[in-house]
Structures are given as structure tokens and as C-alpha cells.
């Protein structure tokens, strides 16, 4: 990061004629390689579901089999779940600022999608809707501790407790369940195009 900042500053200086050329020209010096995220095993995924409170189990199953992001899970309403057709539709995502929360359309058209779900996830959703969600079509599926929208900071505390009870290593986050979903779909034979559509990626990169 420091090298990129220095290179950008010196590039401006070169454009303004203050220096003859930008000396920051080491190939690859400004490239960061992000650490590979952990790939959870099936027994770890099962332990997380078992360790979760009953009103959070369907949420974890949707993350690990549907590949939904946190904002997509937090933005779901009852009308998005179609038990008959065995699907969940993502049309909005919960966006948070420092003091604000709002439901917004996904950043790209690819983020708006309908995903087919396996039977165990559907059974958990059916039970969750019956026990924890109001009958209104716009009733929030996964609510916060006080009944409102689920804030990320509240979820972070819940997730830490679930992860510790499950014996899953520190550093594993909810988003890693999304990675597991993509990997399992690929192992089951999904094509690159199908994975892109299922995960809501705008490009296959």
C-alpha cells in the first residue's frame, strides 16, 4: 500500500514536470496477494449449525448451501422464500452506514437472482417461517435481537459465540460459508457459468 501511494504521488509529480520520470517501476511491487480463505469441511459446517440457536440455523444453512452474503440474508422477507418451487429470490440487500440501515437493490444485475435449494435447507426454512416470522409477505426472515433489522455488529457477536461452541477456528467468518457453497456446487458438477449465476457474480473473474 505504501509503495502504491508513493508511485501515485510520483506519477503526479512526473505529469506536472516536477521530476523527469517516475522512479517507482519495480514490476509487481504494488501487487497485494490476499491470503487464501479457509475451506470448511462438512463436519465443521454441521457443527456450526448444531451450535447455532434455533432461530439462526436456517440462516446458516442458506449461507452454506445457497451462498448468500450477509446483506442478502439480512434483507430477505417472507415473500422471497418459495417453498413450493424450492427457491429463494434475492432482490434487495441490507446496506449499513455508521448510523443508517437501508434495503437497496444489489450492486449489479447479477446480484438479483433466484436460487434452487436442497431439501434439508427447505425443511429448516419451513420450520423457521412457521416459528419465527410474521405472516405478512414483507415480514423480515432473519431479525435482530430486538425484532428489527439484523445489524452486522450484532451478528458478529452472535457468530463468535456460535463459532466458539462449534470448535471452529478463530478467523472463520460467515462469508466463508459462501465460499463453501461455491466449492460444493463445483464439486457437484456446476459449470463456471452456473456458479457465477448462483453466487451473483457480475463476471467469472
N, C-alpha and C. Protein backbone atom coordinates (compact mmCIF):
# COMPACT_ATOMS: atom_id res chain seq x y z
N UNK A 1 0.83 -1.20 0.00
CA UNK A 1 0.00 0.00 0.00
C UNK A 1 0.87 1.25 0.00
N UNK A 2 1.92 1.22 0.79
CA UNK A 2 2.83 2.38 0.84
C UNK A 2 3.48 2.61 -0.53
N UNK A 3 3.89 1.52 -1.17
CA UNK A 3 4.53 1.63 -2.48
C UNK A 3 3.55 2.19 -3.51
N UNK A 4 2.31 1.73 -3.49
CA UNK A 4 1.33 2.24 -4.45
C UNK A 4 1.08 3.73 -4.24
N UNK A 5 1.00 4.15 -2.98
CA UNK A 5 0.77 5.57 -2.69
C UNK A 5 1.95 6.40 -3.18
N UNK A 6 3.18 5.95 -2.90
CA UNK A 6 4.36 6.67 -3.36
C UNK A 6 4.40 6.74 -4.87
N UNK A 7 4.08 5.62 -5.54
CA UNK A 7 4.10 5.58 -7.00
C UNK A 7 3.08 6.55 -7.58
N UNK A 8 1.89 6.62 -6.98
CA UNK A 8 0.85 7.54 -7.46
C UNK A 8 1.28 8.99 -7.28
N UNK A 9 1.89 9.30 -6.12
CA UNK A 9 2.33 10.68 -5.87
C UNK A 9 3.42 11.09 -6.86
N UNK A 10 4.37 10.18 -7.11
CA UNK A 10 5.46 10.49 -8.03
C UNK A 10 4.97 10.54 -9.48
N UNK A 11 3.92 9.76 -9.79
CA UNK A 11 3.34 9.84 -11.14
C UNK A 11 2.74 11.22 -11.37
N UNK A 12 2.07 11.77 -10.35
CA UNK A 12 1.54 13.13 -10.46
C UNK A 12 2.68 14.13 -10.64
N UNK A 13 3.76 13.93 -9.88
CA UNK A 13 4.90 14.85 -9.99
C UNK A 13 5.51 14.79 -11.38
N UNK A 14 5.58 13.59 -11.97
CA UNK A 14 6.13 13.46 -13.32
C UNK A 14 5.22 14.14 -14.34
N UNK A 15 3.89 13.98 -14.17
CA UNK A 15 2.94 14.63 -15.09
C UNK A 15 3.04 16.15 -15.00
N UNK A 16 3.31 16.66 -13.79
CA UNK A 16 3.41 18.11 -13.60
C UNK A 16 4.78 18.65 -13.96
N UNK A 17 5.70 17.77 -14.38
CA UNK A 17 7.02 18.21 -14.78
C UNK A 17 7.96 18.51 -13.64
N UNK A 18 7.62 18.10 -12.43
CA UNK A 18 8.47 18.37 -11.26
C UNK A 18 9.66 17.41 -11.21
N UNK A 19 9.48 16.20 -11.77
CA UNK A 19 10.58 15.24 -11.88
C UNK A 19 10.55 14.69 -13.31
N UNK A 20 11.71 14.25 -13.82
CA UNK A 20 11.71 13.80 -15.23
C UNK A 20 10.95 12.51 -15.46
N UNK A 21 10.94 11.60 -14.50
CA UNK A 21 10.23 10.34 -14.66
C UNK A 21 9.93 9.75 -13.28
N UNK A 22 8.93 8.83 -13.25
CA UNK A 22 8.56 8.17 -12.00
C UNK A 22 9.54 7.03 -11.73
N UNK A 23 10.29 7.11 -10.63
CA UNK A 23 11.26 6.05 -10.35
C UNK A 23 10.64 4.77 -9.80
N UNK A 24 9.36 4.80 -9.46
CA UNK A 24 8.70 3.60 -8.91
C UNK A 24 8.26 2.70 -10.06
N UNK A 25 9.16 1.86 -10.52
CA UNK A 25 8.84 1.00 -11.67
C UNK A 25 9.26 -0.44 -11.44
N UNK A 26 9.25 -0.87 -10.17
CA UNK A 26 9.58 -2.26 -9.86
C UNK A 26 8.38 -3.13 -10.24
N UNK A 27 8.54 -4.08 -11.15
CA UNK A 27 7.40 -4.91 -11.58
C UNK A 27 6.80 -5.68 -10.40
N UNK A 28 5.47 -5.55 -10.25
CA UNK A 28 4.75 -6.31 -9.24
C UNK A 28 4.89 -5.80 -7.83
N UNK A 29 5.63 -4.69 -7.61
CA UNK A 29 5.87 -4.23 -6.24
C UNK A 29 4.60 -3.71 -5.56
N UNK A 30 3.64 -3.26 -6.34
CA UNK A 30 2.41 -2.74 -5.74
C UNK A 30 1.28 -3.74 -5.68
N UNK A 31 1.57 -5.01 -5.99
CA UNK A 31 0.53 -6.04 -6.02
C UNK A 31 0.44 -6.71 -4.65
N UNK A 32 -0.78 -6.80 -4.13
CA UNK A 32 -1.02 -7.49 -2.87
C UNK A 32 -1.65 -8.84 -3.15
N UNK A 33 -1.18 -9.87 -2.48
CA UNK A 33 -1.75 -11.21 -2.61
C UNK A 33 -2.52 -11.52 -1.33
N UNK A 34 -3.85 -11.59 -1.47
CA UNK A 34 -4.67 -11.84 -0.30
C UNK A 34 -4.52 -13.29 0.13
N UNK A 35 -4.60 -13.49 1.43
CA UNK A 35 -4.46 -14.84 1.98
C UNK A 35 -5.66 -15.69 1.59
N UNK A 36 -5.40 -16.94 1.23
CA UNK A 36 -6.48 -17.86 0.87
C UNK A 36 -7.40 -18.08 2.06
N UNK A 37 -8.70 -17.96 1.82
CA UNK A 37 -9.66 -18.16 2.90
C UNK A 37 -9.75 -19.65 3.25
N UNK A 38 -10.05 -19.96 4.52
CA UNK A 38 -10.16 -21.36 4.90
C UNK A 38 -11.36 -22.02 4.23
N UNK A 39 -11.18 -23.28 3.83
CA UNK A 39 -12.29 -24.06 3.27
C UNK A 39 -12.78 -25.02 4.34
N UNK A 40 -13.99 -24.82 4.79
CA UNK A 40 -14.53 -25.61 5.89
C UNK A 40 -14.94 -27.00 5.41
N UNK A 41 -14.69 -27.98 6.26
CA UNK A 41 -15.10 -29.35 5.98
C UNK A 41 -16.58 -29.52 6.34
N UNK A 42 -17.18 -30.60 5.83
CA UNK A 42 -18.60 -30.83 6.08
C UNK A 42 -18.91 -30.99 7.57
N UNK A 43 -18.00 -31.64 8.31
CA UNK A 43 -18.27 -31.80 9.74
C UNK A 43 -18.22 -30.47 10.47
N UNK A 44 -17.38 -29.54 10.00
CA UNK A 44 -17.33 -28.20 10.61
C UNK A 44 -18.61 -27.43 10.29
N UNK A 45 -19.09 -27.55 9.07
CA UNK A 45 -20.34 -26.88 8.70
C UNK A 45 -21.49 -27.41 9.55
N UNK A 46 -21.55 -28.73 9.72
CA UNK A 46 -22.59 -29.32 10.55
C UNK A 46 -22.48 -28.88 12.00
N UNK A 47 -21.25 -28.76 12.51
CA UNK A 47 -21.05 -28.32 13.90
C UNK A 47 -21.53 -26.90 14.09
N UNK A 48 -21.34 -26.04 13.10
CA UNK A 48 -21.81 -24.65 13.20
C UNK A 48 -23.33 -24.60 13.30
N UNK A 49 -24.02 -25.40 12.47
CA UNK A 49 -25.49 -25.42 12.51
C UNK A 49 -25.96 -25.95 13.86
N UNK A 50 -25.34 -27.01 14.34
CA UNK A 50 -25.73 -27.59 15.62
C UNK A 50 -25.50 -26.62 16.78
N UNK A 51 -24.46 -25.79 16.67
CA UNK A 51 -24.11 -24.86 17.75
C UNK A 51 -24.95 -23.59 17.73
N UNK A 52 -25.67 -23.36 16.63
CA UNK A 52 -26.44 -22.12 16.48
C UNK A 52 -27.77 -22.22 17.23
N UNK A 53 -28.26 -21.09 17.75
CA UNK A 53 -29.61 -21.08 18.31
C UNK A 53 -30.62 -21.47 17.24
N UNK A 54 -31.77 -21.97 17.65
CA UNK A 54 -32.75 -22.46 16.68
C UNK A 54 -33.16 -21.42 15.66
N UNK A 55 -33.23 -20.13 16.08
CA UNK A 55 -33.68 -19.10 15.16
C UNK A 55 -32.58 -18.63 14.19
N UNK A 56 -31.38 -19.24 14.27
CA UNK A 56 -30.29 -18.89 13.36
C UNK A 56 -29.88 -20.06 12.46
N UNK A 57 -30.42 -21.24 12.69
CA UNK A 57 -29.96 -22.40 11.92
C UNK A 57 -30.31 -22.30 10.44
N UNK A 58 -31.51 -21.84 10.14
CA UNK A 58 -31.89 -21.70 8.73
C UNK A 58 -31.02 -20.67 8.02
N UNK A 59 -30.61 -19.65 8.75
CA UNK A 59 -29.73 -18.62 8.18
C UNK A 59 -28.39 -19.21 7.79
N UNK A 60 -27.81 -20.03 8.66
CA UNK A 60 -26.53 -20.66 8.35
C UNK A 60 -26.66 -21.64 7.19
N UNK A 61 -27.76 -22.39 7.16
CA UNK A 61 -27.96 -23.33 6.06
C UNK A 61 -28.11 -22.61 4.72
N UNK A 62 -28.77 -21.46 4.73
CA UNK A 62 -28.88 -20.67 3.49
C UNK A 62 -27.53 -20.16 3.04
N UNK A 63 -26.70 -19.78 4.01
CA UNK A 63 -25.37 -19.29 3.66
C UNK A 63 -24.50 -20.40 3.09
N UNK A 64 -24.58 -21.60 3.69
CA UNK A 64 -23.66 -22.66 3.28
C UNK A 64 -24.16 -23.47 2.09
N UNK A 65 -25.44 -23.46 1.80
CA UNK A 65 -25.95 -24.20 0.63
C UNK A 65 -26.42 -23.27 -0.48
N UNK A 66 -26.84 -22.05 -0.11
CA UNK A 66 -27.28 -21.10 -1.13
C UNK A 66 -26.22 -20.09 -1.51
N UNK A 67 -25.20 -19.92 -0.65
CA UNK A 67 -24.12 -18.99 -0.96
C UNK A 67 -24.51 -17.54 -0.81
N UNK A 68 -25.47 -17.23 0.06
CA UNK A 68 -25.91 -15.84 0.22
C UNK A 68 -24.92 -15.03 1.06
N UNK A 69 -24.80 -13.76 0.73
CA UNK A 69 -24.00 -12.83 1.51
C UNK A 69 -24.78 -12.39 2.75
N UNK A 70 -24.08 -11.79 3.73
CA UNK A 70 -24.77 -11.35 4.94
C UNK A 70 -25.89 -10.36 4.62
N UNK A 71 -25.60 -9.34 3.81
CA UNK A 71 -26.61 -8.34 3.48
C UNK A 71 -27.82 -8.93 2.78
N UNK A 72 -27.60 -9.97 1.97
CA UNK A 72 -28.71 -10.65 1.29
C UNK A 72 -29.56 -11.43 2.29
N UNK A 73 -28.91 -12.09 3.23
CA UNK A 73 -29.65 -12.83 4.27
C UNK A 73 -30.45 -11.88 5.13
N UNK A 74 -29.83 -10.77 5.54
CA UNK A 74 -30.50 -9.81 6.42
C UNK A 74 -31.64 -9.09 5.71
N UNK A 75 -31.61 -9.04 4.37
CA UNK A 75 -32.65 -8.33 3.63
C UNK A 75 -33.82 -9.20 3.18
N UNK A 76 -33.77 -10.50 3.46
CA UNK A 76 -34.84 -11.40 3.00
C UNK A 76 -36.15 -11.13 3.72
N UNK A 77 -37.25 -11.24 2.98
CA UNK A 77 -38.58 -11.20 3.57
C UNK A 77 -39.31 -12.50 3.20
N UNK A 78 -40.45 -12.73 3.85
CA UNK A 78 -41.18 -13.99 3.65
C UNK A 78 -41.50 -14.23 2.17
N UNK A 79 -41.85 -13.18 1.42
CA UNK A 79 -42.23 -13.35 0.02
C UNK A 79 -41.06 -13.84 -0.85
N UNK A 80 -39.84 -13.70 -0.36
CA UNK A 80 -38.68 -14.15 -1.13
C UNK A 80 -38.49 -15.66 -1.08
N UNK A 81 -39.14 -16.32 -0.13
CA UNK A 81 -38.99 -17.76 0.05
C UNK A 81 -40.17 -18.47 -0.61
N UNK A 82 -39.89 -19.32 -1.58
CA UNK A 82 -40.93 -20.10 -2.25
C UNK A 82 -40.68 -21.58 -1.95
N UNK A 83 -41.37 -22.08 -0.93
CA UNK A 83 -41.18 -23.47 -0.53
C UNK A 83 -41.69 -24.44 -1.58
N UNK A 84 -42.75 -24.06 -2.29
CA UNK A 84 -43.31 -24.94 -3.31
C UNK A 84 -42.34 -25.15 -4.46
N UNK A 85 -41.72 -24.07 -4.91
CA UNK A 85 -40.76 -24.16 -6.02
C UNK A 85 -39.34 -24.41 -5.54
N UNK A 86 -39.15 -24.45 -4.23
CA UNK A 86 -37.86 -24.79 -3.61
C UNK A 86 -36.80 -23.75 -3.93
N UNK A 87 -37.18 -22.47 -3.86
CA UNK A 87 -36.24 -21.41 -4.24
C UNK A 87 -36.24 -20.27 -3.22
N UNK A 88 -35.17 -19.48 -3.28
CA UNK A 88 -35.09 -18.20 -2.59
C UNK A 88 -34.68 -17.16 -3.62
N UNK A 89 -35.33 -16.00 -3.58
CA UNK A 89 -35.05 -14.93 -4.53
C UNK A 89 -34.38 -13.76 -3.82
N UNK A 90 -33.27 -13.30 -4.36
CA UNK A 90 -32.55 -12.15 -3.81
C UNK A 90 -32.85 -10.95 -4.70
N UNK A 91 -33.57 -9.99 -4.15
CA UNK A 91 -33.90 -8.79 -4.91
C UNK A 91 -33.41 -7.52 -4.23
N UNK A 92 -33.10 -7.62 -2.93
CA UNK A 92 -32.56 -6.47 -2.19
C UNK A 92 -31.45 -6.97 -1.27
N UNK A 93 -30.66 -6.05 -0.78
CA UNK A 93 -29.62 -6.35 0.20
C UNK A 93 -29.63 -5.26 1.26
N UNK A 94 -29.31 -5.61 2.49
CA UNK A 94 -29.28 -4.64 3.57
C UNK A 94 -27.94 -3.93 3.55
N UNK A 95 -27.99 -2.61 3.37
CA UNK A 95 -26.78 -1.78 3.35
C UNK A 95 -26.72 -0.98 4.64
N UNK A 96 -25.57 -0.96 5.28
CA UNK A 96 -25.40 -0.27 6.55
C UNK A 96 -24.35 0.83 6.45
N UNK A 97 -24.68 1.98 7.06
CA UNK A 97 -23.70 3.04 7.27
C UNK A 97 -23.39 3.11 8.75
N UNK A 98 -22.71 4.17 9.17
CA UNK A 98 -22.38 4.30 10.59
C UNK A 98 -23.64 4.38 11.44
N UNK A 99 -24.63 5.13 10.97
CA UNK A 99 -25.85 5.30 11.74
C UNK A 99 -27.10 4.96 10.94
N UNK A 100 -26.95 4.37 9.77
CA UNK A 100 -28.09 4.15 8.90
C UNK A 100 -28.16 2.69 8.46
N UNK A 101 -29.38 2.28 8.15
CA UNK A 101 -29.63 0.96 7.56
C UNK A 101 -30.69 1.14 6.49
N UNK A 102 -30.49 0.51 5.34
CA UNK A 102 -31.46 0.64 4.26
C UNK A 102 -31.41 -0.57 3.36
N UNK A 103 -32.57 -0.95 2.85
CA UNK A 103 -32.66 -2.02 1.87
C UNK A 103 -32.45 -1.42 0.48
N UNK A 104 -31.49 -1.97 -0.24
CA UNK A 104 -31.16 -1.44 -1.56
C UNK A 104 -31.08 -2.58 -2.57
N UNK A 105 -31.21 -2.23 -3.83
CA UNK A 105 -31.02 -3.22 -4.88
C UNK A 105 -29.56 -3.67 -4.88
N UNK A 106 -29.29 -4.91 -5.26
CA UNK A 106 -27.90 -5.35 -5.36
C UNK A 106 -27.09 -4.43 -6.27
N UNK A 107 -25.76 -4.42 -6.06
CA UNK A 107 -24.90 -3.51 -6.81
C UNK A 107 -24.91 -3.80 -8.30
N UNK A 108 -25.09 -5.04 -8.68
CA UNK A 108 -25.10 -5.41 -10.09
C UNK A 108 -26.36 -6.21 -10.40
N UNK A 109 -26.68 -6.30 -11.68
CA UNK A 109 -27.84 -7.08 -12.10
C UNK A 109 -27.65 -8.56 -11.75
N UNK A 110 -26.40 -9.02 -11.73
CA UNK A 110 -26.14 -10.42 -11.39
C UNK A 110 -26.52 -10.74 -9.96
N UNK A 111 -26.52 -9.73 -9.08
CA UNK A 111 -26.88 -9.95 -7.68
C UNK A 111 -28.35 -10.27 -7.50
N UNK A 112 -29.20 -9.87 -8.44
CA UNK A 112 -30.63 -10.20 -8.39
C UNK A 112 -30.82 -11.56 -9.03
N UNK A 113 -31.17 -12.55 -8.22
CA UNK A 113 -31.19 -13.91 -8.74
C UNK A 113 -32.14 -14.78 -7.92
N UNK A 114 -32.50 -15.92 -8.47
CA UNK A 114 -33.31 -16.93 -7.79
C UNK A 114 -32.50 -18.21 -7.72
N UNK A 115 -32.42 -18.79 -6.52
CA UNK A 115 -31.54 -19.93 -6.27
C UNK A 115 -32.37 -21.13 -5.84
N UNK A 116 -32.11 -22.28 -6.44
CA UNK A 116 -32.74 -23.52 -6.01
C UNK A 116 -32.04 -24.03 -4.76
N UNK A 117 -32.81 -24.62 -3.85
CA UNK A 117 -32.28 -25.04 -2.56
C UNK A 117 -32.48 -26.54 -2.33
N UNK A 118 -31.56 -27.18 -1.60
CA UNK A 118 -31.71 -28.60 -1.29
C UNK A 118 -32.75 -28.83 -0.20
N UNK A 119 -33.22 -30.04 -0.10
CA UNK A 119 -34.32 -30.37 0.82
C UNK A 119 -34.05 -30.02 2.29
N UNK A 120 -32.86 -30.33 2.85
CA UNK A 120 -32.65 -30.00 4.27
C UNK A 120 -32.78 -28.51 4.57
N UNK A 121 -32.32 -27.68 3.63
CA UNK A 121 -32.43 -26.23 3.82
C UNK A 121 -33.89 -25.80 3.75
N UNK A 122 -34.65 -26.38 2.83
CA UNK A 122 -36.07 -26.05 2.72
C UNK A 122 -36.83 -26.44 3.98
N UNK A 123 -36.52 -27.61 4.54
CA UNK A 123 -37.19 -28.04 5.77
C UNK A 123 -36.89 -27.07 6.91
N UNK A 124 -35.63 -26.64 7.01
CA UNK A 124 -35.27 -25.69 8.06
C UNK A 124 -35.96 -24.34 7.86
N UNK A 125 -36.06 -23.90 6.61
CA UNK A 125 -36.75 -22.64 6.32
C UNK A 125 -38.24 -22.74 6.63
N UNK A 126 -38.85 -23.85 6.29
CA UNK A 126 -40.27 -24.06 6.57
C UNK A 126 -40.53 -23.95 8.08
N UNK A 127 -39.69 -24.60 8.86
CA UNK A 127 -39.81 -24.54 10.32
C UNK A 127 -39.56 -23.12 10.84
N UNK A 128 -38.55 -22.46 10.27
CA UNK A 128 -38.20 -21.10 10.71
C UNK A 128 -39.34 -20.12 10.42
N UNK A 129 -39.91 -20.21 9.23
CA UNK A 129 -41.01 -19.31 8.85
C UNK A 129 -42.21 -19.51 9.76
N UNK A 130 -42.48 -20.75 10.12
CA UNK A 130 -43.64 -21.04 10.97
C UNK A 130 -43.44 -20.55 12.39
N UNK A 131 -42.22 -20.58 12.89
CA UNK A 131 -41.97 -20.28 14.30
C UNK A 131 -41.49 -18.87 14.57
N UNK A 132 -40.78 -18.27 13.63
CA UNK A 132 -40.08 -17.03 13.95
C UNK A 132 -40.42 -15.85 13.04
N UNK A 133 -41.26 -16.03 12.04
CA UNK A 133 -41.52 -14.98 11.05
C UNK A 133 -43.01 -14.69 11.00
N UNK A 134 -43.34 -13.40 10.94
CA UNK A 134 -44.73 -12.99 10.85
C UNK A 134 -45.38 -13.44 9.55
N UNK A 135 -46.72 -13.43 9.49
CA UNK A 135 -47.42 -13.93 8.30
C UNK A 135 -47.40 -12.98 7.11
N UNK A 136 -47.03 -11.72 7.34
CA UNK A 136 -47.06 -10.72 6.26
C UNK A 136 -46.01 -11.05 5.19
N UNK A 137 -46.32 -10.82 3.91
CA UNK A 137 -45.34 -11.10 2.85
C UNK A 137 -44.03 -10.34 3.02
N UNK A 138 -44.10 -9.13 3.63
CA UNK A 138 -42.88 -8.34 3.79
C UNK A 138 -42.22 -8.54 5.15
N UNK A 139 -42.65 -9.54 5.91
CA UNK A 139 -42.07 -9.81 7.22
C UNK A 139 -40.60 -10.24 7.06
N UNK A 140 -39.72 -9.65 7.86
CA UNK A 140 -38.29 -9.95 7.80
C UNK A 140 -38.04 -11.38 8.25
N UNK A 141 -37.23 -12.11 7.50
CA UNK A 141 -36.99 -13.52 7.80
C UNK A 141 -36.01 -13.68 8.96
N UNK A 142 -34.91 -12.93 8.94
CA UNK A 142 -33.90 -13.05 9.99
C UNK A 142 -33.76 -11.70 10.69
N UNK A 143 -34.36 -11.60 11.87
CA UNK A 143 -34.42 -10.33 12.59
C UNK A 143 -33.30 -10.19 13.60
N UNK A 144 -33.11 -8.94 14.04
CA UNK A 144 -32.13 -8.66 15.08
C UNK A 144 -32.65 -9.04 16.45
N UNK A 145 -31.82 -8.90 17.49
CA UNK A 145 -32.21 -9.31 18.85
C UNK A 145 -33.46 -8.61 19.36
N UNK A 146 -33.72 -7.38 18.91
CA UNK A 146 -34.88 -6.62 19.39
C UNK A 146 -36.02 -6.61 18.38
N UNK A 147 -35.93 -7.45 17.36
CA UNK A 147 -37.02 -7.56 16.39
C UNK A 147 -36.88 -6.72 15.15
N UNK A 148 -35.86 -5.86 15.08
CA UNK A 148 -35.64 -5.04 13.90
C UNK A 148 -34.72 -5.72 12.90
N UNK A 149 -34.19 -4.93 12.00
CA UNK A 149 -33.25 -5.47 11.02
C UNK A 149 -31.99 -5.96 11.74
N UNK A 150 -31.38 -6.98 11.20
CA UNK A 150 -30.20 -7.59 11.81
C UNK A 150 -28.96 -6.79 11.45
N UNK A 151 -28.39 -6.11 12.43
CA UNK A 151 -27.18 -5.33 12.21
C UNK A 151 -25.96 -6.25 12.18
N UNK A 152 -24.98 -5.84 11.39
CA UNK A 152 -23.77 -6.64 11.26
C UNK A 152 -23.03 -6.76 12.59
N UNK A 153 -22.97 -5.68 13.37
CA UNK A 153 -22.23 -5.77 14.63
C UNK A 153 -22.91 -6.70 15.63
N UNK A 154 -24.26 -6.75 15.61
CA UNK A 154 -24.96 -7.71 16.47
C UNK A 154 -24.69 -9.14 16.00
N UNK A 155 -24.70 -9.32 14.68
CA UNK A 155 -24.44 -10.65 14.16
C UNK A 155 -23.02 -11.09 14.48
N UNK A 156 -22.06 -10.17 14.44
CA UNK A 156 -20.67 -10.53 14.73
C UNK A 156 -20.54 -11.14 16.12
N UNK A 157 -21.26 -10.59 17.10
CA UNK A 157 -21.23 -11.14 18.45
C UNK A 157 -21.88 -12.54 18.47
N UNK A 158 -23.01 -12.67 17.78
CA UNK A 158 -23.67 -13.98 17.72
C UNK A 158 -22.78 -15.02 17.04
N UNK A 159 -22.17 -14.61 15.95
CA UNK A 159 -21.33 -15.54 15.19
C UNK A 159 -20.15 -16.02 16.03
N UNK A 160 -19.53 -15.11 16.79
CA UNK A 160 -18.39 -15.51 17.61
C UNK A 160 -18.79 -16.60 18.60
N UNK A 161 -19.96 -16.44 19.20
CA UNK A 161 -20.43 -17.44 20.17
C UNK A 161 -20.71 -18.77 19.47
N UNK A 162 -21.33 -18.73 18.30
CA UNK A 162 -21.62 -19.96 17.55
C UNK A 162 -20.33 -20.65 17.16
N UNK A 163 -19.40 -19.88 16.62
CA UNK A 163 -18.12 -20.44 16.18
C UNK A 163 -17.36 -21.10 17.33
N UNK A 164 -17.34 -20.44 18.48
CA UNK A 164 -16.62 -20.99 19.63
C UNK A 164 -17.28 -22.27 20.13
N UNK A 165 -18.63 -22.30 20.17
CA UNK A 165 -19.31 -23.52 20.61
C UNK A 165 -19.06 -24.67 19.64
N UNK A 166 -18.93 -24.34 18.36
CA UNK A 166 -18.72 -25.37 17.34
C UNK A 166 -17.28 -25.85 17.28
N UNK A 167 -16.38 -25.12 17.95
CA UNK A 167 -14.97 -25.50 17.91
C UNK A 167 -14.31 -25.18 16.58
N UNK A 168 -14.86 -24.19 15.85
CA UNK A 168 -14.30 -23.79 14.57
C UNK A 168 -13.23 -22.72 14.83
N UNK A 169 -12.11 -22.77 14.15
CA UNK A 169 -11.00 -21.85 14.45
C UNK A 169 -11.39 -20.39 14.33
N UNK A 170 -10.74 -19.56 15.16
CA UNK A 170 -10.92 -18.11 15.07
C UNK A 170 -10.48 -17.64 13.69
N UNK A 171 -11.12 -16.61 13.21
CA UNK A 171 -10.81 -16.10 11.88
C UNK A 171 -11.79 -16.54 10.82
N UNK A 172 -12.51 -17.63 11.08
CA UNK A 172 -13.56 -18.08 10.16
C UNK A 172 -14.76 -17.16 10.30
N UNK A 173 -15.27 -16.66 9.20
CA UNK A 173 -16.39 -15.72 9.21
C UNK A 173 -17.56 -16.30 8.41
N UNK A 174 -18.72 -15.65 8.53
CA UNK A 174 -19.91 -16.13 7.81
C UNK A 174 -19.66 -16.22 6.32
N UNK A 175 -18.89 -15.29 5.77
CA UNK A 175 -18.64 -15.28 4.32
C UNK A 175 -17.92 -16.54 3.86
N UNK A 176 -17.20 -17.20 4.77
CA UNK A 176 -16.53 -18.44 4.40
C UNK A 176 -17.53 -19.55 4.09
N UNK A 177 -18.76 -19.44 4.62
CA UNK A 177 -19.80 -20.41 4.27
C UNK A 177 -20.22 -20.23 2.81
N UNK A 178 -20.17 -19.01 2.34
CA UNK A 178 -20.45 -18.73 0.93
C UNK A 178 -19.39 -19.38 0.04
N UNK A 179 -18.14 -19.31 0.47
CA UNK A 179 -17.07 -19.97 -0.28
C UNK A 179 -17.30 -21.48 -0.30
N UNK A 180 -17.72 -22.02 0.83
CA UNK A 180 -18.00 -23.46 0.89
C UNK A 180 -19.13 -23.81 -0.07
N UNK A 181 -20.15 -22.96 -0.15
CA UNK A 181 -21.27 -23.22 -1.06
C UNK A 181 -20.81 -23.30 -2.50
N UNK A 182 -19.94 -22.36 -2.90
CA UNK A 182 -19.44 -22.37 -4.26
C UNK A 182 -18.60 -23.59 -4.55
N UNK A 183 -17.77 -23.97 -3.59
CA UNK A 183 -16.90 -25.14 -3.77
C UNK A 183 -17.73 -26.42 -3.88
N UNK A 184 -18.73 -26.56 -3.00
CA UNK A 184 -19.54 -27.77 -3.05
C UNK A 184 -20.35 -27.86 -4.33
N UNK A 185 -20.83 -26.71 -4.82
CA UNK A 185 -21.57 -26.71 -6.09
C UNK A 185 -20.65 -27.12 -7.23
N UNK A 186 -19.40 -26.64 -7.20
CA UNK A 186 -18.44 -27.00 -8.24
C UNK A 186 -18.13 -28.49 -8.18
N UNK A 187 -17.96 -29.01 -6.98
CA UNK A 187 -17.67 -30.43 -6.82
C UNK A 187 -18.85 -31.30 -7.27
N UNK A 188 -20.05 -30.74 -7.20
CA UNK A 188 -21.24 -31.48 -7.64
C UNK A 188 -21.43 -31.41 -9.15
N UNK A 189 -20.56 -30.63 -9.83
CA UNK A 189 -20.62 -30.60 -11.29
C UNK A 189 -21.11 -29.30 -11.90
N UNK A 190 -21.33 -28.25 -11.09
CA UNK A 190 -21.77 -26.97 -11.64
C UNK A 190 -20.70 -26.38 -12.55
N UNK A 191 -21.13 -25.82 -13.68
CA UNK A 191 -20.19 -25.17 -14.59
C UNK A 191 -19.80 -23.81 -14.03
N UNK A 192 -18.77 -23.22 -14.63
CA UNK A 192 -18.33 -21.88 -14.21
C UNK A 192 -19.46 -20.86 -14.36
N UNK A 193 -20.22 -20.97 -15.46
CA UNK A 193 -21.33 -20.05 -15.71
C UNK A 193 -22.43 -20.24 -14.65
N UNK A 194 -22.69 -21.49 -14.30
CA UNK A 194 -23.71 -21.77 -13.28
C UNK A 194 -23.29 -21.25 -11.92
N UNK A 195 -22.01 -21.40 -11.58
CA UNK A 195 -21.51 -20.87 -10.32
C UNK A 195 -21.62 -19.36 -10.28
N UNK A 196 -21.27 -18.73 -11.39
CA UNK A 196 -21.35 -17.27 -11.48
C UNK A 196 -22.78 -16.79 -11.23
N UNK A 197 -23.75 -17.48 -11.84
CA UNK A 197 -25.15 -17.10 -11.67
C UNK A 197 -25.63 -17.38 -10.25
N UNK A 198 -25.24 -18.51 -9.69
CA UNK A 198 -25.71 -18.90 -8.36
C UNK A 198 -25.18 -17.96 -7.28
N UNK A 199 -23.92 -17.57 -7.41
CA UNK A 199 -23.30 -16.71 -6.40
C UNK A 199 -23.53 -15.23 -6.66
N UNK A 200 -24.10 -14.89 -7.80
CA UNK A 200 -24.39 -13.48 -8.09
C UNK A 200 -23.19 -12.66 -8.46
N UNK A 201 -22.21 -13.29 -9.12
CA UNK A 201 -21.01 -12.59 -9.57
C UNK A 201 -21.26 -11.92 -10.91
N UNK A 202 -20.81 -10.68 -11.03
CA UNK A 202 -21.01 -9.95 -12.29
C UNK A 202 -20.11 -10.48 -13.39
N UNK A 203 -18.95 -11.04 -13.03
CA UNK A 203 -18.06 -11.61 -14.04
C UNK A 203 -17.48 -12.91 -13.49
N UNK A 204 -16.95 -13.75 -14.39
CA UNK A 204 -16.38 -15.01 -13.93
C UNK A 204 -14.98 -14.83 -13.34
N UNK A 205 -14.45 -13.63 -13.36
CA UNK A 205 -13.13 -13.37 -12.75
C UNK A 205 -13.21 -13.55 -11.24
